[in-house]
Amino acid sequence: MKNHIAFLLSVLIWGAATMNIFAQESKSEAEKEVVAVIQQLFDGMRAADSTAVGKTFHPDARMQTVVAKEGTIKLHTGSVEKFLTAIGTPHEEIYNEVIHDYDVRIDGELASVWTPYTFKLGENISHCGVNAFQLVKLDGKWLILQVTDTRHKENCQ
């Protein structure tokens, strides 16, 4: 009888551990998919490919920047269309947003990603800060729904 209980307990523990491993694998796969969308955005920026960048955004996406100027905090709302135009318009220097880390949180079809960054124009640092992305998964595809960033000129990496 004790052997049957021990065996059943072993099977239950193994089953729970296996389910946890599968949950972690599927979560990390979803995280990889989310990060790939953000990387596509920044790879497209470096390549001045507004079409590739445009494919990362949901049609109703918003872009915002928290601006601190002369002791006042303001929220500036930008346009995805203007952003895409700026990327696709010929420019001498490469727009290079260097991402230092990805903190990804996912619940079903909603993802939130925090990415500290340094933005470079060519080889020169322009500014740094943090991007806060929200993505939604529709029809099996992750799309950027919102990006809000901060921008600083000092203490950039």
Protein backbone atom coordinates (compact mmCIF):
# COMPACT_ATOMS: atom_id res chain seq x y z
CA MET A 1 0.00 0.00 0.00
CA LYS A 2 2.84 2.41 0.90
CA ASN A 3 4.51 1.67 -2.44
CA HIS A 4 1.30 2.57 -4.31
CA ILE A 5 0.98 5.87 -2.45
CA ALA A 6 4.65 6.69 -3.04
CA PHE A 7 4.29 5.82 -6.72
CA LEU A 8 1.13 7.94 -7.07
CA LEU A 9 2.82 10.83 -5.28
CA SER A 10 5.84 10.54 -7.61
CA VAL A 11 3.58 10.62 -10.67
CA LEU A 12 1.74 13.70 -9.37
CA ILE A 13 4.98 15.55 -8.60
CA TRP A 14 6.44 14.63 -12.01
CA GLY A 15 3.23 15.76 -13.72
CA ALA A 16 3.21 19.10 -11.90
CA ALA A 17 6.88 19.70 -12.68
CA THR A 18 6.35 18.81 -16.35
CA MET A 19 3.36 21.15 -16.65
CA ASN A 20 5.45 23.95 -15.09
CA ILE A 21 8.26 23.33 -17.60
CA PHE A 22 5.81 23.43 -20.52
CA ALA A 23 4.25 26.65 -19.17
CA GLN A 24 7.71 28.24 -18.92
CA GLU A 25 8.63 27.13 -22.45
CA SER A 26 5.45 28.55 -23.98
CA LYS A 27 5.90 31.78 -22.00
CA SER A 28 9.47 32.18 -23.19
CA GLU A 29 8.32 31.46 -26.77
CA ALA A 30 5.73 34.24 -26.47
CA GLU A 31 8.39 36.53 -25.01
CA LYS A 32 10.63 35.76 -28.00
CA GLU A 33 7.79 36.67 -30.37
CA VAL A 34 7.14 39.97 -28.58
CA VAL A 35 10.83 40.91 -28.49
CA ALA A 36 11.14 40.02 -32.21
CA VAL A 37 8.49 42.64 -33.05
CA ILE A 38 10.37 45.33 -31.14
CA GLN A 39 13.65 44.26 -32.75
CA GLN A 40 11.98 44.47 -36.17
CA LEU A 41 10.99 48.05 -35.35
CA PHE A 42 14.56 49.07 -34.47
CA ASP A 43 16.18 47.03 -37.27
CA GLY A 44 13.84 48.83 -39.68
CA MET A 45 14.84 52.20 -38.21
CA ARG A 46 18.53 51.41 -38.73
CA ALA A 47 17.81 50.33 -42.31
CA ALA A 48 15.57 53.38 -42.97
CA ASP A 49 12.85 50.87 -43.96
CA SER A 50 9.54 52.49 -43.07
CA THR A 51 7.59 49.55 -44.57
CA ALA A 52 9.20 47.05 -42.17
CA VAL A 53 8.66 49.42 -39.25
CA GLY A 54 5.04 50.05 -40.25
CA LYS A 55 4.29 46.32 -40.09
CA THR A 56 5.07 46.32 -36.34
CA PHE A 57 2.26 48.76 -35.45
CA HIS A 58 -1.45 48.20 -34.92
CA PRO A 59 -3.50 50.61 -37.11
CA ASP A 60 -4.70 52.46 -33.98
CA ALA A 61 -1.25 52.66 -32.36
CA ARG A 62 -0.18 55.69 -30.35
CA MET A 63 3.25 57.15 -29.70
CA GLN A 64 3.88 59.38 -26.72
CA THR A 65 6.85 60.99 -25.00
CA VAL A 66 7.09 62.20 -21.42
CA VAL A 67 8.94 65.51 -21.70
CA ALA A 68 10.61 67.21 -18.73
CA LYS A 69 11.54 70.78 -19.61
CA GLU A 70 12.42 73.60 -17.24
CA GLY A 71 10.79 71.86 -14.28
CA THR A 72 7.55 71.11 -16.12
CA ILE A 73 6.43 67.61 -17.14
CA LYS A 74 4.37 67.32 -20.31
CA LEU A 75 3.06 64.48 -22.43
CA HIS A 76 3.68 64.85 -26.15
CA THR A 77 1.61 62.70 -28.50
CA GLY A 78 3.24 61.91 -31.81
CA SER A 79 1.97 60.33 -35.00
CA VAL A 80 2.95 56.90 -36.25
CA GLU A 81 2.54 58.21 -39.81
CA LYS A 82 4.98 61.08 -39.19
CA PHE A 83 7.38 58.66 -37.51
CA LEU A 84 7.28 56.37 -40.55
CA THR A 85 7.79 59.33 -42.88
CA ALA A 86 10.86 60.43 -40.90
CA ILE A 87 12.32 56.93 -41.06
CA GLY A 88 11.69 56.59 -44.80
CA THR A 89 12.94 60.05 -45.71
CA PRO A 90 16.60 59.89 -46.79
CA HIS A 91 18.97 61.01 -44.03
CA GLU A 92 22.75 60.88 -43.73
CA GLU A 93 23.05 59.41 -40.26
CA ILE A 94 21.70 56.04 -39.16
CA TYR A 95 18.94 56.14 -36.55
CA ASN A 96 20.22 53.59 -34.07
CA GLU A 97 18.22 52.90 -30.93
CA VAL A 98 20.34 50.60 -28.78
CA ILE A 99 18.20 48.55 -26.41
CA HIS A 100 19.96 47.58 -23.17
CA ASP A 101 17.38 45.14 -21.77
CA TYR A 102 13.87 43.75 -22.27
CA ASP A 103 11.54 43.33 -19.29
CA VAL A 104 8.61 41.43 -20.84
CA ARG A 105 5.29 40.77 -19.10
CA ILE A 106 2.57 38.80 -20.87
CA ASP A 107 -1.00 37.91 -19.97
CA GLY A 108 -2.76 36.11 -22.81
CA GLU A 109 -2.86 38.45 -25.79
CA LEU A 110 -1.51 41.52 -23.99
CA ALA A 111 2.19 42.23 -23.51
CA SER A 112 4.01 45.03 -21.75
CA VAL A 113 7.72 45.59 -22.39
CA TRP A 114 10.08 48.00 -20.61
CA THR A 115 13.27 48.75 -22.56
CA PRO A 116 16.02 51.12 -21.39
CA TYR A 117 17.72 52.58 -24.48
CA THR A 118 20.33 54.91 -25.92
CA PHE A 119 19.47 56.67 -29.19
CA LYS A 120 22.33 57.41 -31.55
CA LEU A 121 22.45 59.53 -34.68
CA GLY A 122 25.29 57.89 -36.52
CA GLU A 123 28.02 57.43 -33.91
CA ASN A 124 26.85 60.27 -31.65
CA ILE A 125 24.55 59.80 -28.67
CA SER A 126 21.45 61.96 -29.08
CA HIS A 127 19.55 60.95 -25.92
CA CYS A 128 18.57 58.03 -23.72
CA GLY A 129 15.65 56.89 -21.61
CA VAL A 130 13.11 54.12 -21.38
CA ASN A 131 10.48 52.83 -23.81
CA ALA A 132 7.27 51.36 -22.39
CA PHE A 133 5.60 49.22 -25.07
CA GLN A 134 2.17 47.65 -25.04
CA LEU A 135 1.52 45.00 -27.64
CA VAL A 136 -1.59 43.04 -28.53
CA LYS A 137 -1.77 39.66 -30.25
CA LEU A 138 -4.43 39.63 -32.96
CA ASP A 139 -4.91 36.82 -35.48
CA GLY A 140 -1.76 35.16 -34.14
CA LYS A 141 0.45 38.24 -34.65
CA TRP A 142 1.89 40.62 -32.05
CA LEU A 143 1.50 44.32 -32.89
CA ILE A 144 2.60 47.47 -31.07
CA LEU A 145 -0.46 49.22 -29.68
CA GLN A 146 1.27 51.92 -27.63
CA VAL A 147 4.79 53.14 -27.02
CA THR A 148 5.60 55.82 -24.46
CA ASP A 149 9.17 56.93 -23.91
CA THR A 150 11.25 59.21 -21.75
CA ARG A 151 14.20 61.21 -23.08
CA HIS A 152 17.28 62.48 -21.26
CA LYS A 153 20.47 64.11 -22.50
CA GLU A 154 22.61 63.34 -19.45
CA ASN A 155 23.92 60.09 -17.95
CA CYS A 156 23.49 58.15 -21.20
CA GLN A 157 25.42 54.91 -21.73
